[in-house]
């Protein structure tokens, strides 16, 4: 698993296919909380597990799953 400290606020999150998933709000409790103001968010915060993260390079978080699959699995309520 990637070190959560590498993930920066406002970093772009992309799927393994390179498609946009969202923008990091912050990391908390083993999840990435995405901003609700992102075009993909529909006005809601979404949460994705850190287990989905494949790599972090600068201001981009790349996930191990394609964007469509991540969006089917993300949650609108955090774990805690």
N, C-alpha and C. Protein backbone atom coordinates (compact mmCIF):
# COMPACT_ATOMS: atom_id res chain seq x y z
N UNK A 1 0.85 -1.19 0.00
CA UNK A 1 0.00 0.00 0.00
C UNK A 1 0.88 1.24 0.00
N UNK A 2 0.40 2.27 -0.62
CA UNK A 2 1.10 3.55 -0.71
C UNK A 2 1.00 4.28 0.63
N UNK A 3 2.04 5.02 0.99
CA UNK A 3 2.04 5.83 2.20
C UNK A 3 1.05 6.98 2.02
N UNK A 4 0.07 7.06 2.90
CA UNK A 4 -0.98 8.09 2.80
C UNK A 4 -0.39 9.50 2.85
N UNK A 5 0.76 9.67 3.48
CA UNK A 5 1.39 10.99 3.58
C UNK A 5 1.84 11.52 2.21
N UNK A 6 1.95 10.64 1.23
CA UNK A 6 2.34 11.05 -0.13
C UNK A 6 1.18 11.73 -0.87
N UNK A 7 -0.04 11.50 -0.42
CA UNK A 7 -1.22 12.00 -1.12
C UNK A 7 -1.51 13.43 -0.66
N UNK A 8 -1.49 14.36 -1.59
CA UNK A 8 -1.67 15.77 -1.28
C UNK A 8 -3.10 16.23 -1.53
N UNK A 9 -3.52 17.21 -0.72
CA UNK A 9 -4.82 17.83 -0.96
C UNK A 9 -4.83 18.41 -2.37
N UNK A 10 -5.95 18.32 -3.03
CA UNK A 10 -6.19 18.85 -4.38
C UNK A 10 -5.45 18.09 -5.47
N UNK A 11 -4.87 16.92 -5.13
CA UNK A 11 -4.25 16.08 -6.16
C UNK A 11 -5.36 15.50 -7.03
N UNK A 12 -5.04 15.27 -8.28
CA UNK A 12 -5.97 14.65 -9.22
C UNK A 12 -5.93 13.14 -9.03
N UNK A 13 -7.10 12.52 -9.02
CA UNK A 13 -7.20 11.07 -8.89
C UNK A 13 -7.66 10.52 -10.23
N UNK A 14 -6.88 9.56 -10.77
CA UNK A 14 -7.22 8.95 -12.05
C UNK A 14 -7.27 7.44 -11.91
N UNK A 15 -8.09 6.81 -12.73
CA UNK A 15 -8.18 5.36 -12.75
C UNK A 15 -6.99 4.77 -13.48
N UNK A 16 -6.90 3.44 -13.48
CA UNK A 16 -5.81 2.75 -14.18
C UNK A 16 -5.86 2.99 -15.68
N UNK A 17 -7.03 3.42 -16.16
CA UNK A 17 -7.20 3.73 -17.58
C UNK A 17 -6.85 5.19 -17.90
N UNK A 18 -6.42 5.95 -16.88
CA UNK A 18 -6.05 7.35 -17.09
C UNK A 18 -7.22 8.32 -17.03
N UNK A 19 -8.44 7.80 -16.85
CA UNK A 19 -9.64 8.64 -16.80
C UNK A 19 -9.79 9.30 -15.42
N UNK A 20 -10.27 10.53 -15.43
CA UNK A 20 -10.45 11.31 -14.21
C UNK A 20 -11.50 10.69 -13.29
N UNK A 21 -11.15 10.57 -12.00
CA UNK A 21 -12.08 10.06 -10.99
C UNK A 21 -12.52 11.19 -10.07
N UNK A 22 -11.58 12.04 -9.67
CA UNK A 22 -11.93 13.12 -8.75
C UNK A 22 -10.71 13.89 -8.30
N UNK A 23 -10.91 14.70 -7.25
CA UNK A 23 -9.87 15.54 -6.68
C UNK A 23 -9.84 15.29 -5.18
N UNK A 24 -8.64 15.10 -4.64
CA UNK A 24 -8.48 14.80 -3.21
C UNK A 24 -8.90 15.99 -2.36
N UNK A 25 -9.79 15.73 -1.39
CA UNK A 25 -10.09 16.69 -0.34
C UNK A 25 -9.10 16.45 0.79
N UNK A 26 -9.10 15.24 1.33
CA UNK A 26 -8.09 14.83 2.31
C UNK A 26 -8.13 13.31 2.50
N UNK A 27 -7.16 12.81 3.25
CA UNK A 27 -7.08 11.39 3.56
C UNK A 27 -7.39 11.22 5.04
N UNK A 28 -8.26 10.24 5.35
CA UNK A 28 -8.64 10.01 6.73
C UNK A 28 -9.10 8.57 6.91
N UNK A 29 -8.60 7.92 7.93
CA UNK A 29 -9.09 6.59 8.28
C UNK A 29 -8.98 5.55 7.18
N UNK A 30 -7.91 5.56 6.42
CA UNK A 30 -7.72 4.56 5.38
C UNK A 30 -8.50 4.81 4.11
N UNK A 31 -9.04 6.03 3.98
CA UNK A 31 -9.81 6.39 2.78
C UNK A 31 -9.37 7.75 2.25
N UNK A 32 -9.57 7.92 0.96
CA UNK A 32 -9.41 9.23 0.34
C UNK A 32 -10.79 9.84 0.21
N UNK A 33 -10.96 11.02 0.76
CA UNK A 33 -12.21 11.77 0.60
C UNK A 33 -12.02 12.69 -0.60
N UNK A 34 -12.91 12.58 -1.57
CA UNK A 34 -12.84 13.42 -2.76
C UNK A 34 -13.68 14.67 -2.58
N UNK A 35 -13.28 15.76 -3.21
CA UNK A 35 -14.02 17.01 -3.09
C UNK A 35 -15.40 16.87 -3.73
N UNK A 36 -16.37 17.54 -3.14
CA UNK A 36 -17.72 17.49 -3.71
C UNK A 36 -17.90 18.49 -4.83
N UNK A 37 -16.95 19.42 -4.98
CA UNK A 37 -17.05 20.43 -6.03
C UNK A 37 -16.51 19.95 -7.37
N UNK A 38 -15.89 18.77 -7.40
CA UNK A 38 -15.36 18.21 -8.64
C UNK A 38 -16.50 17.89 -9.60
N UNK A 39 -16.27 18.06 -10.87
CA UNK A 39 -17.31 17.82 -11.89
C UNK A 39 -17.88 16.40 -11.82
N UNK A 40 -17.07 15.42 -11.44
CA UNK A 40 -17.51 14.02 -11.39
C UNK A 40 -18.31 13.70 -10.12
N UNK A 41 -18.30 14.60 -9.13
CA UNK A 41 -18.83 14.28 -7.80
C UNK A 41 -20.34 14.44 -7.67
N UNK A 42 -20.97 15.21 -8.52
CA UNK A 42 -22.41 15.41 -8.41
C UNK A 42 -22.81 16.11 -7.13
N UNK A 43 -21.93 16.94 -6.59
CA UNK A 43 -22.24 17.70 -5.37
C UNK A 43 -22.10 16.91 -4.08
N UNK A 44 -21.53 15.70 -4.14
CA UNK A 44 -21.35 14.86 -2.96
C UNK A 44 -19.88 14.52 -2.75
N UNK A 45 -19.50 14.37 -1.47
CA UNK A 45 -18.17 13.82 -1.18
C UNK A 45 -18.24 12.33 -1.47
N UNK A 46 -17.19 11.80 -2.06
CA UNK A 46 -17.09 10.36 -2.28
C UNK A 46 -15.82 9.87 -1.60
N UNK A 47 -15.85 8.63 -1.17
CA UNK A 47 -14.73 8.03 -0.44
C UNK A 47 -14.27 6.79 -1.18
N UNK A 48 -12.95 6.67 -1.32
CA UNK A 48 -12.38 5.47 -1.93
C UNK A 48 -11.29 4.94 -1.00
N UNK A 49 -11.19 3.62 -0.88
CA UNK A 49 -10.19 3.03 0.01
C UNK A 49 -8.76 3.27 -0.49
N UNK A 50 -7.84 3.45 0.45
CA UNK A 50 -6.43 3.59 0.08
C UNK A 50 -5.92 2.35 -0.63
N UNK A 51 -6.58 1.21 -0.41
CA UNK A 51 -6.18 -0.03 -1.08
C UNK A 51 -6.29 0.07 -2.60
N UNK A 52 -7.08 1.01 -3.10
CA UNK A 52 -7.24 1.20 -4.54
C UNK A 52 -6.04 1.93 -5.16
N UNK A 53 -5.21 2.57 -4.34
CA UNK A 53 -4.12 3.40 -4.85
C UNK A 53 -2.96 2.53 -5.33
N UNK A 54 -2.59 2.74 -6.58
CA UNK A 54 -1.47 2.02 -7.17
C UNK A 54 -0.18 2.81 -6.99
N UNK A 55 -0.25 4.13 -7.25
CA UNK A 55 0.94 4.96 -7.13
C UNK A 55 0.56 6.43 -6.95
N UNK A 56 1.53 7.18 -6.44
CA UNK A 56 1.36 8.62 -6.29
C UNK A 56 2.59 9.27 -6.92
N UNK A 57 2.35 10.14 -7.90
CA UNK A 57 3.44 10.85 -8.56
C UNK A 57 3.10 12.33 -8.57
N UNK A 58 3.76 13.09 -7.67
CA UNK A 58 3.49 14.52 -7.58
C UNK A 58 2.06 14.77 -7.18
N UNK A 59 1.33 15.46 -8.05
CA UNK A 59 -0.06 15.82 -7.77
C UNK A 59 -1.05 14.90 -8.49
N UNK A 60 -0.65 13.65 -8.73
CA UNK A 60 -1.56 12.70 -9.35
C UNK A 60 -1.55 11.38 -8.58
N UNK A 61 -2.76 10.94 -8.23
CA UNK A 61 -2.94 9.65 -7.57
C UNK A 61 -3.52 8.70 -8.62
N UNK A 62 -2.78 7.62 -8.90
CA UNK A 62 -3.25 6.64 -9.90
C UNK A 62 -3.77 5.42 -9.15
N UNK A 63 -4.97 5.01 -9.54
CA UNK A 63 -5.62 3.88 -8.91
C UNK A 63 -5.36 2.59 -9.67
N UNK A 64 -5.60 1.47 -9.02
CA UNK A 64 -5.35 0.16 -9.63
C UNK A 64 -6.55 -0.36 -10.40
N UNK A 65 -7.64 0.41 -10.43
CA UNK A 65 -8.86 0.01 -11.13
C UNK A 65 -9.25 1.10 -12.12
N UNK A 66 -9.94 0.75 -13.19
CA UNK A 66 -10.42 1.77 -14.13
C UNK A 66 -11.45 2.70 -13.46
N UNK A 67 -11.54 3.92 -13.95
CA UNK A 67 -12.41 4.95 -13.36
C UNK A 67 -13.85 4.48 -13.21
N UNK A 68 -14.41 3.83 -14.22
CA UNK A 68 -15.81 3.38 -14.15
C UNK A 68 -16.03 2.39 -13.00
N UNK A 69 -15.08 1.50 -12.80
CA UNK A 69 -15.20 0.52 -11.72
C UNK A 69 -15.10 1.21 -10.36
N UNK A 70 -14.19 2.16 -10.22
CA UNK A 70 -14.05 2.91 -8.96
C UNK A 70 -15.35 3.63 -8.64
N UNK A 71 -15.95 4.25 -9.63
CA UNK A 71 -17.19 5.00 -9.41
C UNK A 71 -18.35 4.09 -9.03
N UNK A 72 -18.32 2.85 -9.46
CA UNK A 72 -19.35 1.89 -9.04
C UNK A 72 -19.16 1.47 -7.58
N UNK A 73 -17.91 1.54 -7.12
CA UNK A 73 -17.59 1.04 -5.78
C UNK A 73 -17.40 2.13 -4.73
N UNK A 74 -17.30 3.40 -5.14
CA UNK A 74 -17.05 4.43 -4.13
C UNK A 74 -18.26 4.61 -3.24
N UNK A 75 -18.03 5.24 -2.10
CA UNK A 75 -19.07 5.43 -1.10
C UNK A 75 -19.31 6.93 -0.89
N UNK A 76 -20.51 7.28 -0.46
CA UNK A 76 -20.79 8.68 -0.13
C UNK A 76 -20.79 8.90 1.38
N UNK A 77 -20.41 7.89 2.14
CA UNK A 77 -20.24 8.06 3.58
C UNK A 77 -18.95 7.39 4.00
N UNK A 78 -18.16 8.10 4.79
CA UNK A 78 -16.87 7.58 5.23
C UNK A 78 -17.03 6.38 6.15
N UNK A 79 -15.92 5.70 6.36
CA UNK A 79 -15.91 4.48 7.19
C UNK A 79 -16.20 4.79 8.65
N UNK A 80 -15.76 5.95 9.11
CA UNK A 80 -15.91 6.23 10.54
C UNK A 80 -16.86 7.37 10.79
